[in-house]
Structure formats: C-alpha cells, structure tokens
Protein backbone atom coordinates (compact mmCIF):
# COMPACT_ATOMS: atom_id res chain seq x y z
CA MET A 1 11.68 55.45 -55.60
CA ASP A 2 9.90 56.18 -52.30
CA THR A 3 12.08 57.79 -49.66
CA VAL A 4 11.80 58.54 -45.95
CA THR A 5 13.84 60.99 -43.90
CA LEU A 6 15.04 59.56 -40.59
CA TYR A 7 15.88 61.96 -37.77
CA LEU A 8 18.66 60.28 -35.80
CA ASP A 9 19.32 60.66 -32.08
CA ASN A 10 22.51 62.65 -32.80
CA GLY A 11 20.48 65.30 -34.67
CA GLU A 12 21.44 64.15 -38.15
CA GLU A 13 18.94 63.60 -40.95
CA LEU A 14 19.31 60.50 -43.10
CA GLU A 15 17.42 60.11 -46.37
CA CYS A 16 16.52 56.45 -46.98
CA GLN A 17 14.96 54.46 -49.80
CA VAL A 18 11.99 52.30 -48.82
CA LEU A 19 13.02 48.75 -49.69
CA THR A 20 9.79 47.15 -48.61
CA ILE A 21 6.94 47.15 -46.15
CA PHE A 22 6.36 43.59 -44.99
CA GLU A 23 4.23 41.76 -42.46
CA ALA A 24 5.47 39.49 -39.70
CA GLU A 25 3.13 37.91 -37.16
CA GLY A 26 0.34 40.37 -37.92
CA GLN A 27 2.47 43.54 -37.60
CA ASP A 28 3.77 45.66 -40.49
CA TYR A 29 7.46 46.58 -40.67
CA ILE A 30 9.46 48.81 -43.01
CA ALA A 31 13.00 48.24 -44.27
CA LEU A 32 15.00 51.33 -45.24
CA LEU A 33 18.32 51.71 -47.07
CA PRO A 34 20.27 55.02 -46.92
CA VAL A 35 20.28 56.93 -50.23
CA ASP A 36 23.67 58.63 -49.72
CA SER A 37 26.34 56.61 -51.50
CA ASP A 38 28.71 56.47 -48.49
CA ASP A 39 25.98 55.24 -46.14
CA ARG A 40 24.56 52.94 -48.83
CA GLN A 41 27.90 51.23 -49.42
CA SER A 42 28.03 50.27 -45.74
CA GLY A 43 24.99 48.06 -46.45
CA GLU A 44 23.23 49.26 -43.32
CA VAL A 45 19.48 48.58 -43.39
CA PHE A 46 17.12 50.14 -40.86
CA ILE A 47 13.99 48.21 -39.85
CA TYR A 48 11.11 49.75 -37.91
CA ARG A 49 7.56 48.89 -36.92
CA TYR A 50 5.28 50.58 -39.45
CA ARG A 51 1.72 51.87 -39.26
CA GLU A 52 -0.33 54.75 -40.61
CA ASP A 53 -2.07 57.28 -38.38
CA GLU A 54 -5.69 58.43 -38.75
CA SER A 55 -4.76 60.81 -41.59
CA GLY A 56 -2.81 58.13 -43.48
CA GLU A 57 0.62 59.49 -42.52
CA PRO A 58 3.32 56.86 -41.93
CA VAL A 59 4.48 56.28 -38.35
CA LEU A 60 7.76 54.46 -37.61
CA GLU A 61 8.40 52.91 -34.21
CA ASN A 62 11.62 51.44 -32.83
CA ILE A 63 11.76 47.72 -32.16
CA GLU A 64 12.82 47.48 -28.51
CA ASP A 65 12.26 43.77 -27.82
CA ASP A 66 15.06 41.34 -28.79
CA SER A 67 12.69 38.46 -29.55
CA GLU A 68 10.57 40.69 -31.78
CA TYR A 69 13.69 41.91 -33.55
CA GLU A 70 14.90 38.35 -34.17
CA MET A 71 11.49 37.43 -35.62
CA VAL A 72 11.51 40.52 -37.88
CA ASP A 73 15.10 39.85 -38.94
CA GLU A 74 14.12 36.33 -40.05
CA ALA A 75 11.08 37.65 -41.93
CA PHE A 76 13.24 40.24 -43.71
CA ASP A 77 15.80 37.54 -44.60
CA GLU A 78 12.96 35.54 -46.17
CA TRP A 79 11.93 38.62 -48.15
CA LEU A 80 15.54 39.00 -49.35
CA ASP A 81 15.61 35.36 -50.41
CA CYS A 82 12.40 35.81 -52.43
CA ASN A 83 13.45 39.02 -54.20
CA GLU A 84 16.30 40.05 -56.39
CA PHE A 85 18.18 42.40 -54.12
CA ASP A 86 21.58 42.20 -55.77
CA GLU A 87 21.10 45.46 -57.68
CA LEU A 88 20.91 47.46 -54.43
CA VAL A 89 23.53 45.83 -52.23
CA SER A 90 24.85 42.33 -51.71
CA GLU A 91 23.29 40.37 -48.85
CA GLU A 92 26.71 39.81 -47.23
CA GLU A 93 27.13 43.59 -46.80
CA LEU A 94 23.86 44.09 -44.92
CA ASP A 95 23.95 45.16 -41.28
CA PHE A 96 20.46 45.19 -39.75
CA ASN A 97 19.57 47.97 -37.34
CA ASP A 98 16.38 49.26 -35.78
C-alpha cells in the first residue's frame, strides 16, 4: 500500500493511501484516502494535480479552477465505476476534496 503524508493548512499531518493516479485531459491526478480509521470512515477523498519533479519526487498541486475540478471529479467517478472500490469505502460515503 503506497501512502502519502499531506500537510494540511491547519498544521496537521494526514497519512493517506494512494487510491490511484489517473489521467484526465492530458494531466495526471492523484486520489488519496486517509489511512486513519476515523478519517477513513468519513469517506473523504482528496484529489490533487500530480507530477514528478526532475529527481522523480512526486509533486501535488491544488486544483483551484471549478471547471477543472468538475472534469477531474467526473474522471474519478468513471475510475470508480470501472474498479471494485467497495472494499475500501462505499461510493455513497465519498466526499471529494482538493
């Protein structure tokens, strides 16, 4: 299980499981699910723009544009439809954030 540590604006650290890295309109995005059981049960999924820097290190960028976010949300929904996601969390419990 690949994980990523998010550093939130409030100073907290949040360990997340990488659900997938997917492409939408030529840009890569990453979907993350919190590892902690309390956060995980909320069904909150974090989606960011994804790229790797010159040294191959992952770089996550916030999605600021509403139209881009809607496009990415639809692409992630399609990914959910094509994959068995029930073992992690039910689709009805998901709350998409960037």
